[in-house]
Amino acid sequence: MISWILFGLVIGAIARYIYPGRQGLGILKTMLLGIAGSFVGGFLGWLIVGGSILQSSGWLGSILGAIIVLAFASRQSRITAS
């Protein structure tokens, strides 16, 4: 459980650094972003490669998944703000 928290925090921070613009996320939301990104990356890996749906997506897959989640969340917040 602690490894998920630390992994999510690191992945979320990297995704926030790569994604352009300013995101108003605290530490908890950054951690949740990284964890969600890991699941999205694993799901995308499962779609592309196959295998077990609960496979580990690795660092790159997790970062890519977190960027996708962050882009989707940013787009949704811009749509609702309009």
N, C-alpha and C. Protein backbone atom coordinates (compact mmCIF):
# COMPACT_ATOMS: atom_id res chain seq x y z
N MET A 1 0.83 -1.19 0.00
CA MET A 1 0.00 0.00 0.00
C MET A 1 0.88 1.26 0.00
N ILE A 2 1.91 1.25 0.83
CA ILE A 2 2.80 2.41 0.87
C ILE A 2 3.54 2.56 -0.45
N SER A 3 3.88 1.46 -1.09
CA SER A 3 4.56 1.55 -2.39
C SER A 3 3.64 2.15 -3.45
N TRP A 4 2.34 1.84 -3.40
CA TRP A 4 1.39 2.46 -4.32
C TRP A 4 1.34 3.96 -4.12
N ILE A 5 1.32 4.39 -2.86
CA ILE A 5 1.26 5.81 -2.55
C ILE A 5 2.50 6.52 -3.07
N LEU A 6 3.68 5.97 -2.79
CA LEU A 6 4.91 6.61 -3.25
C LEU A 6 5.02 6.58 -4.77
N PHE A 7 4.69 5.45 -5.37
CA PHE A 7 4.72 5.33 -6.83
C PHE A 7 3.75 6.32 -7.46
N GLY A 8 2.54 6.40 -6.93
CA GLY A 8 1.54 7.34 -7.45
C GLY A 8 1.99 8.78 -7.33
N LEU A 9 2.62 9.12 -6.22
CA LEU A 9 3.09 10.48 -6.02
C LEU A 9 4.18 10.84 -7.02
N VAL A 10 5.12 9.93 -7.24
CA VAL A 10 6.21 10.19 -8.19
C VAL A 10 5.67 10.27 -9.62
N ILE A 11 4.83 9.32 -10.00
CA ILE A 11 4.27 9.30 -11.36
C ILE A 11 3.40 10.54 -11.59
N GLY A 12 2.56 10.89 -10.62
CA GLY A 12 1.72 12.09 -10.75
C GLY A 12 2.55 13.36 -10.87
N ALA A 13 3.62 13.46 -10.10
CA ALA A 13 4.49 14.64 -10.18
C ALA A 13 5.18 14.73 -11.53
N ILE A 14 5.65 13.60 -12.06
CA ILE A 14 6.29 13.61 -13.38
C ILE A 14 5.28 14.01 -14.46
N ALA A 15 4.07 13.46 -14.39
CA ALA A 15 3.04 13.79 -15.38
C ALA A 15 2.68 15.27 -15.31
N ARG A 16 2.58 15.83 -14.10
CA ARG A 16 2.27 17.25 -13.96
C ARG A 16 3.40 18.11 -14.50
N TYR A 17 4.64 17.66 -14.36
CA TYR A 17 5.78 18.40 -14.88
C TYR A 17 5.79 18.39 -16.40
N ILE A 18 5.45 17.25 -17.00
CA ILE A 18 5.46 17.13 -18.46
C ILE A 18 4.28 17.84 -19.10
N TYR A 19 3.10 17.74 -18.49
CA TYR A 19 1.89 18.31 -19.08
C TYR A 19 1.95 19.84 -19.02
N PRO A 20 1.72 20.51 -20.15
CA PRO A 20 1.82 21.98 -20.14
C PRO A 20 0.68 22.64 -19.37
N GLY A 21 0.96 23.81 -18.85
CA GLY A 21 -0.06 24.56 -18.13
C GLY A 21 0.05 24.34 -16.64
N ARG A 22 -0.78 25.07 -15.95
CA ARG A 22 -0.77 25.00 -14.49
C ARG A 22 -1.95 24.16 -14.02
N GLN A 23 -1.69 23.23 -13.12
CA GLN A 23 -2.74 22.39 -12.56
C GLN A 23 -2.84 22.69 -11.07
N GLY A 24 -4.03 22.91 -10.60
CA GLY A 24 -4.24 23.19 -9.19
C GLY A 24 -4.46 21.92 -8.40
N LEU A 25 -3.44 21.08 -8.31
CA LEU A 25 -3.56 19.80 -7.60
C LEU A 25 -2.65 19.80 -6.39
N GLY A 26 -3.16 19.32 -5.29
CA GLY A 26 -2.35 19.15 -4.10
C GLY A 26 -1.65 17.80 -4.11
N ILE A 27 -1.05 17.46 -3.01
CA ILE A 27 -0.30 16.21 -2.91
C ILE A 27 -1.21 14.99 -3.06
N LEU A 28 -2.36 15.02 -2.41
CA LEU A 28 -3.28 13.87 -2.47
C LEU A 28 -3.79 13.65 -3.89
N LYS A 29 -4.19 14.72 -4.57
CA LYS A 29 -4.69 14.57 -5.94
C LYS A 29 -3.58 14.18 -6.90
N THR A 30 -2.36 14.64 -6.66
CA THR A 30 -1.23 14.23 -7.48
C THR A 30 -0.98 12.73 -7.32
N MET A 31 -1.07 12.24 -6.09
CA MET A 31 -0.90 10.82 -5.82
C MET A 31 -1.99 10.01 -6.51
N LEU A 32 -3.23 10.45 -6.40
CA LEU A 32 -4.34 9.75 -7.04
C LEU A 32 -4.21 9.79 -8.56
N LEU A 33 -3.69 10.90 -9.09
CA LEU A 33 -3.43 11.00 -10.52
C LEU A 33 -2.45 9.93 -10.97
N GLY A 34 -1.38 9.76 -10.21
CA GLY A 34 -0.38 8.74 -10.56
C GLY A 34 -0.92 7.33 -10.48
N ILE A 35 -1.72 7.05 -9.47
CA ILE A 35 -2.31 5.71 -9.32
C ILE A 35 -3.30 5.45 -10.46
N ALA A 36 -4.14 6.43 -10.76
CA ALA A 36 -5.10 6.28 -11.87
C ALA A 36 -4.35 6.13 -13.19
N GLY A 37 -3.27 6.89 -13.35
CA GLY A 37 -2.47 6.79 -14.56
C GLY A 37 -1.86 5.42 -14.74
N SER A 38 -1.48 4.79 -13.65
CA SER A 38 -0.92 3.45 -13.72
C SER A 38 -1.98 2.45 -14.20
N PHE A 39 -3.20 2.60 -13.72
CA PHE A 39 -4.28 1.73 -14.19
C PHE A 39 -4.59 1.98 -15.66
N VAL A 40 -4.63 3.24 -16.07
CA VAL A 40 -4.90 3.57 -17.48
C VAL A 40 -3.77 3.03 -18.35
N GLY A 41 -2.52 3.20 -17.92
CA GLY A 41 -1.39 2.67 -18.68
C GLY A 41 -1.43 1.15 -18.79
N GLY A 42 -1.80 0.47 -17.70
CA GLY A 42 -1.94 -0.98 -17.74
C GLY A 42 -3.05 -1.42 -18.67
N PHE A 43 -4.16 -0.67 -18.66
CA PHE A 43 -5.27 -1.01 -19.55
C PHE A 43 -4.87 -0.81 -21.01
N LEU A 44 -4.17 0.28 -21.31
CA LEU A 44 -3.71 0.52 -22.68
C LEU A 44 -2.72 -0.56 -23.13
N GLY A 45 -1.84 -0.97 -22.21
CA GLY A 45 -0.92 -2.06 -22.52
C GLY A 45 -1.66 -3.35 -22.81
N TRP A 46 -2.72 -3.60 -22.03
CA TRP A 46 -3.53 -4.80 -22.25
C TRP A 46 -4.21 -4.74 -23.62
N LEU A 47 -4.70 -3.56 -24.00
CA LEU A 47 -5.36 -3.42 -25.31
C LEU A 47 -4.38 -3.63 -26.46
N ILE A 48 -3.17 -3.12 -26.30
CA ILE A 48 -2.19 -3.18 -27.40
C ILE A 48 -1.49 -4.53 -27.46
N VAL A 49 -1.02 -5.02 -26.32
CA VAL A 49 -0.19 -6.22 -26.30
C VAL A 49 -0.99 -7.47 -25.94
N GLY A 50 -1.98 -7.31 -25.10
CA GLY A 50 -2.73 -8.47 -24.61
C GLY A 50 -2.18 -8.92 -23.28
N GLY A 51 -2.48 -10.10 -22.88
CA GLY A 51 -2.02 -10.62 -21.60
C GLY A 51 -3.04 -10.37 -20.52
N SER A 52 -2.58 -10.32 -19.30
CA SER A 52 -3.46 -10.12 -18.15
C SER A 52 -3.89 -8.66 -18.05
N ILE A 53 -5.15 -8.41 -17.76
CA ILE A 53 -5.65 -7.03 -17.65
C ILE A 53 -5.08 -6.35 -16.40
N LEU A 54 -4.63 -7.12 -15.43
CA LEU A 54 -4.07 -6.54 -14.22
C LEU A 54 -2.54 -6.49 -14.25
N GLN A 55 -1.96 -6.49 -15.46
CA GLN A 55 -0.51 -6.46 -15.59
C GLN A 55 0.04 -5.11 -15.15
N SER A 56 1.29 -5.11 -14.80
CA SER A 56 1.96 -3.87 -14.43
C SER A 56 2.26 -3.08 -15.70
N SER A 57 2.01 -1.79 -15.66
CA SER A 57 2.24 -0.98 -16.85
C SER A 57 3.65 -0.41 -16.89
N GLY A 58 4.39 -0.46 -15.79
CA GLY A 58 5.74 0.08 -15.77
C GLY A 58 5.74 1.59 -15.65
N TRP A 59 6.94 2.14 -15.59
CA TRP A 59 7.08 3.58 -15.40
C TRP A 59 6.54 4.37 -16.59
N LEU A 60 6.96 4.02 -17.80
CA LEU A 60 6.54 4.80 -18.97
C LEU A 60 5.04 4.70 -19.23
N GLY A 61 4.50 3.51 -19.09
CA GLY A 61 3.05 3.33 -19.27
C GLY A 61 2.26 4.10 -18.23
N SER A 62 2.76 4.11 -17.00
CA SER A 62 2.09 4.84 -15.93
C SER A 62 2.13 6.34 -16.17
N ILE A 63 3.28 6.84 -16.61
CA ILE A 63 3.40 8.28 -16.89
C ILE A 63 2.48 8.65 -18.05
N LEU A 64 2.49 7.85 -19.10
CA LEU A 64 1.60 8.12 -20.24
C LEU A 64 0.14 8.08 -19.81
N GLY A 65 -0.23 7.10 -19.01
CA GLY A 65 -1.61 7.02 -18.51
C GLY A 65 -1.96 8.23 -17.65
N ALA A 66 -1.04 8.68 -16.81
CA ALA A 66 -1.30 9.84 -15.96
C ALA A 66 -1.45 11.10 -16.79
N ILE A 67 -0.67 11.24 -17.85
CA ILE A 67 -0.81 12.40 -18.73
C ILE A 67 -2.17 12.37 -19.42
N ILE A 68 -2.62 11.20 -19.82
CA ILE A 68 -3.94 11.07 -20.44
C ILE A 68 -5.03 11.46 -19.44
N VAL A 69 -4.93 10.97 -18.21
CA VAL A 69 -5.92 11.31 -17.18
C VAL A 69 -5.90 12.81 -16.91
N LEU A 70 -4.71 13.39 -16.82
CA LEU A 70 -4.58 14.82 -16.56
C LEU A 70 -5.15 15.65 -17.71
N ALA A 71 -4.89 15.24 -18.94
CA ALA A 71 -5.43 15.96 -20.10
C ALA A 71 -6.95 15.88 -20.11
N PHE A 72 -7.49 14.71 -19.81
CA PHE A 72 -8.94 14.55 -19.77
C PHE A 72 -9.55 15.42 -18.67
N ALA A 73 -8.95 15.41 -17.49
CA ALA A 73 -9.46 16.20 -16.37
C ALA A 73 -9.36 17.70 -16.66
N SER A 74 -8.26 18.13 -17.29
CA SER A 74 -8.10 19.55 -17.62
C SER A 74 -9.13 19.98 -18.66
N ARG A 75 -9.37 19.11 -19.61
CA ARG A 75 -10.36 19.43 -20.65
C ARG A 75 -11.77 19.52 -20.05
N GLN A 76 -12.09 18.60 -19.14
CA GLN A 76 -13.40 18.61 -18.51
C GLN A 76 -13.60 19.87 -17.65
N SER A 77 -12.54 20.29 -16.95
CA SER A 77 -12.68 21.48 -16.10
C SER A 77 -12.82 22.73 -16.95
N ARG A 78 -12.19 22.76 -18.14
CA ARG A 78 -12.37 23.92 -19.04
C ARG A 78 -13.77 23.96 -19.62
N ILE A 79 -14.33 22.78 -19.90
CA ILE A 79 -15.67 22.72 -20.48
C ILE A 79 -16.70 23.18 -19.45
N THR A 80 -16.57 22.73 -18.22
CA THR A 80 -17.55 23.12 -17.19
C THR A 80 -17.38 24.57 -16.77
N ALA A 81 -16.18 25.14 -16.92
CA ALA A 81 -15.95 26.53 -16.54
C ALA A 81 -16.53 27.48 -17.58
N SER A 82 -16.72 27.01 -18.81
CA SER A 82 -17.23 27.88 -19.88
C SER A 82 -18.69 28.16 -19.73
